Amino acid sequence: MSKKILGALFGAGLAAMALSTGAFAADQKLAEFHVEMNGGCDSCHKDGSPSADGEYEFEQCQGCHGGLADMDAVHKPHDGMLKCADCHAPHDMNVGQRPTCEACHDDGRTPEKILGK
């Protein structure tokens, strides 16, 4: 009986991994993914329209993902200097796509090097 339960749990785990956001949204823009997940442009933009300075959208990012100071070593040094969309261009980047450091830094750094991966 316990083998059946373990088998069912394993199968459920595989199904969950197959249906994860990375599995089905890889060719989808970040903005499209957020619209579908949260119900429209209002999930990121006040009244569905971009703000002039991006501050409102930055607050929305932090509301779900946390502040830069609370994140990993790639994000912490940018706290107080950048907004999420400065690197994670939501209307241009696909889900799962990682920004590169070379847009601003020319010393060969990468997120993987910073995180020691």
Protein backbone atom coordinates (compact mmCIF):
# COMPACT_ATOMS: atom_id res chain seq x y z
CA MET A 1 0.00 0.00 0.00
CA SER A 2 2.78 2.47 0.84
CA LYS A 3 4.38 1.85 -2.58
CA LYS A 4 1.14 2.96 -4.23
CA ILE A 5 1.07 6.14 -2.17
CA LEU A 6 4.72 6.89 -2.91
CA GLY A 7 4.12 6.22 -6.59
CA ALA A 8 1.14 8.57 -6.61
CA LEU A 9 3.10 11.29 -4.82
CA PHE A 10 6.01 10.89 -7.22
CA GLY A 11 3.64 11.13 -10.19
CA ALA A 12 2.00 14.22 -8.74
CA GLY A 13 5.41 15.81 -8.24
CA LEU A 14 6.40 15.13 -11.84
CA ALA A 15 3.11 16.57 -13.07
CA ALA A 16 3.63 19.71 -10.97
CA MET A 17 7.12 20.16 -12.40
CA ALA A 18 5.84 19.68 -15.94
CA LEU A 19 3.19 22.34 -15.38
CA SER A 20 5.50 24.82 -13.68
CA THR A 21 5.83 28.35 -15.10
CA GLY A 22 9.24 27.58 -16.55
CA ALA A 23 7.87 24.61 -18.46
CA PHE A 24 4.95 26.31 -20.17
CA ALA A 25 5.88 30.00 -20.30
CA ALA A 26 9.42 30.00 -21.67
CA ASP A 27 8.41 31.67 -24.94
CA GLN A 28 6.13 34.15 -23.21
CA LYS A 29 7.04 37.75 -22.36
CA LEU A 30 7.28 38.60 -18.66
CA ALA A 31 4.52 41.19 -19.05
CA GLU A 32 2.16 38.68 -20.70
CA PHE A 33 2.83 36.17 -17.94
CA HIS A 34 2.05 38.74 -15.23
CA VAL A 35 -1.13 39.87 -17.03
CA GLU A 36 -2.41 36.29 -17.18
CA MET A 37 -1.40 35.55 -13.61
CA ASN A 38 -2.74 38.71 -11.98
CA GLY A 39 -5.62 39.73 -14.22
CA GLY A 40 -4.61 42.55 -16.51
CA CYS A 41 -2.27 45.48 -16.95
CA ASP A 42 -3.48 46.86 -13.61
CA SER A 43 -1.41 44.19 -11.88
CA CYS A 44 1.70 46.26 -12.65
CA HIS A 45 0.43 49.64 -13.90
CA LYS A 46 -1.84 52.08 -12.06
CA ASP A 47 -5.06 52.30 -14.06
CA GLY A 48 -3.40 50.08 -16.69
CA SER A 49 -1.05 52.82 -17.94
CA PRO A 50 2.72 53.15 -17.36
CA SER A 51 3.81 55.75 -14.85
CA ALA A 52 6.16 58.51 -15.96
CA ASP A 53 9.00 57.48 -13.64
CA GLY A 54 8.38 53.73 -13.22
CA GLU A 55 8.12 54.07 -9.46
CA TYR A 56 4.58 52.65 -9.21
CA GLU A 57 5.61 49.59 -11.23
CA PHE A 58 8.72 49.15 -9.06
CA GLU A 59 6.50 49.12 -5.97
CA GLN A 60 4.35 46.42 -7.59
CA CYS A 61 7.42 44.27 -8.28
CA GLN A 62 8.55 44.59 -4.67
CA GLY A 63 5.07 43.81 -3.40
CA CYS A 64 5.28 40.31 -4.90
CA HIS A 65 9.00 39.60 -5.19
CA GLY A 66 10.45 41.56 -2.24
CA GLY A 67 12.92 44.41 -2.20
CA LEU A 68 16.36 44.34 -3.79
CA ALA A 69 18.02 44.51 -0.36
CA ASP A 70 16.28 41.27 0.60
CA MET A 71 17.38 39.35 -2.48
CA ASP A 72 20.54 37.50 -3.50
CA ALA A 73 24.04 38.93 -4.05
CA VAL A 74 23.23 39.90 -7.66
CA HIS A 75 20.39 42.18 -6.57
CA LYS A 76 21.59 43.65 -3.24
CA PRO A 77 24.27 45.99 -4.65
CA HIS A 78 21.64 47.64 -6.88
CA ASP A 79 19.33 48.56 -3.99
CA GLY A 80 18.60 52.28 -4.10
CA MET A 81 20.18 52.65 -7.55
CA LEU A 82 18.02 50.66 -9.97
CA LYS A 83 14.45 49.56 -10.46
CA CYS A 84 13.58 46.00 -11.44
CA ALA A 85 12.61 46.98 -15.01
CA ASP A 86 16.06 48.50 -15.55
CA CYS A 87 17.39 44.96 -15.95
CA HIS A 88 14.28 42.78 -16.26
CA ALA A 89 12.60 44.51 -19.21
CA PRO A 90 9.14 42.97 -18.78
CA HIS A 91 7.85 43.84 -22.24
CA ASP A 92 11.03 42.62 -24.00
CA MET A 93 12.27 39.62 -21.99
CA ASN A 94 10.80 36.12 -21.90
CA VAL A 95 9.91 34.23 -18.74
CA GLY A 96 13.03 32.52 -17.42
CA GLN A 97 15.39 34.73 -19.40
CA ARG A 98 18.08 36.28 -17.23
CA PRO A 99 19.52 39.71 -17.88
CA THR A 100 23.25 39.98 -18.40
CA CYS A 101 25.54 42.24 -16.43
CA GLU A 102 27.40 43.45 -19.53
CA ALA A 103 24.76 46.05 -20.36
CA CYS A 104 26.29 48.16 -17.56
CA HIS A 105 29.49 46.34 -16.52
CA ASP A 106 32.42 45.54 -18.82
CA ASP A 107 34.48 43.47 -16.39
CA GLY A 108 33.16 40.03 -17.36
CA ARG A 109 30.86 39.57 -14.38
CA THR A 110 27.84 37.34 -14.69
CA PRO A 111 25.09 36.43 -12.21
CA GLU A 112 26.53 32.92 -12.08
CA LYS A 113 30.01 34.21 -11.10
CA ILE A 114 28.56 36.49 -8.45
CA LEU A 115 26.45 33.69 -6.96
CA GLY A 116 29.32 31.19 -7.22
CA LYS A 117 27.44 28.76 -9.48
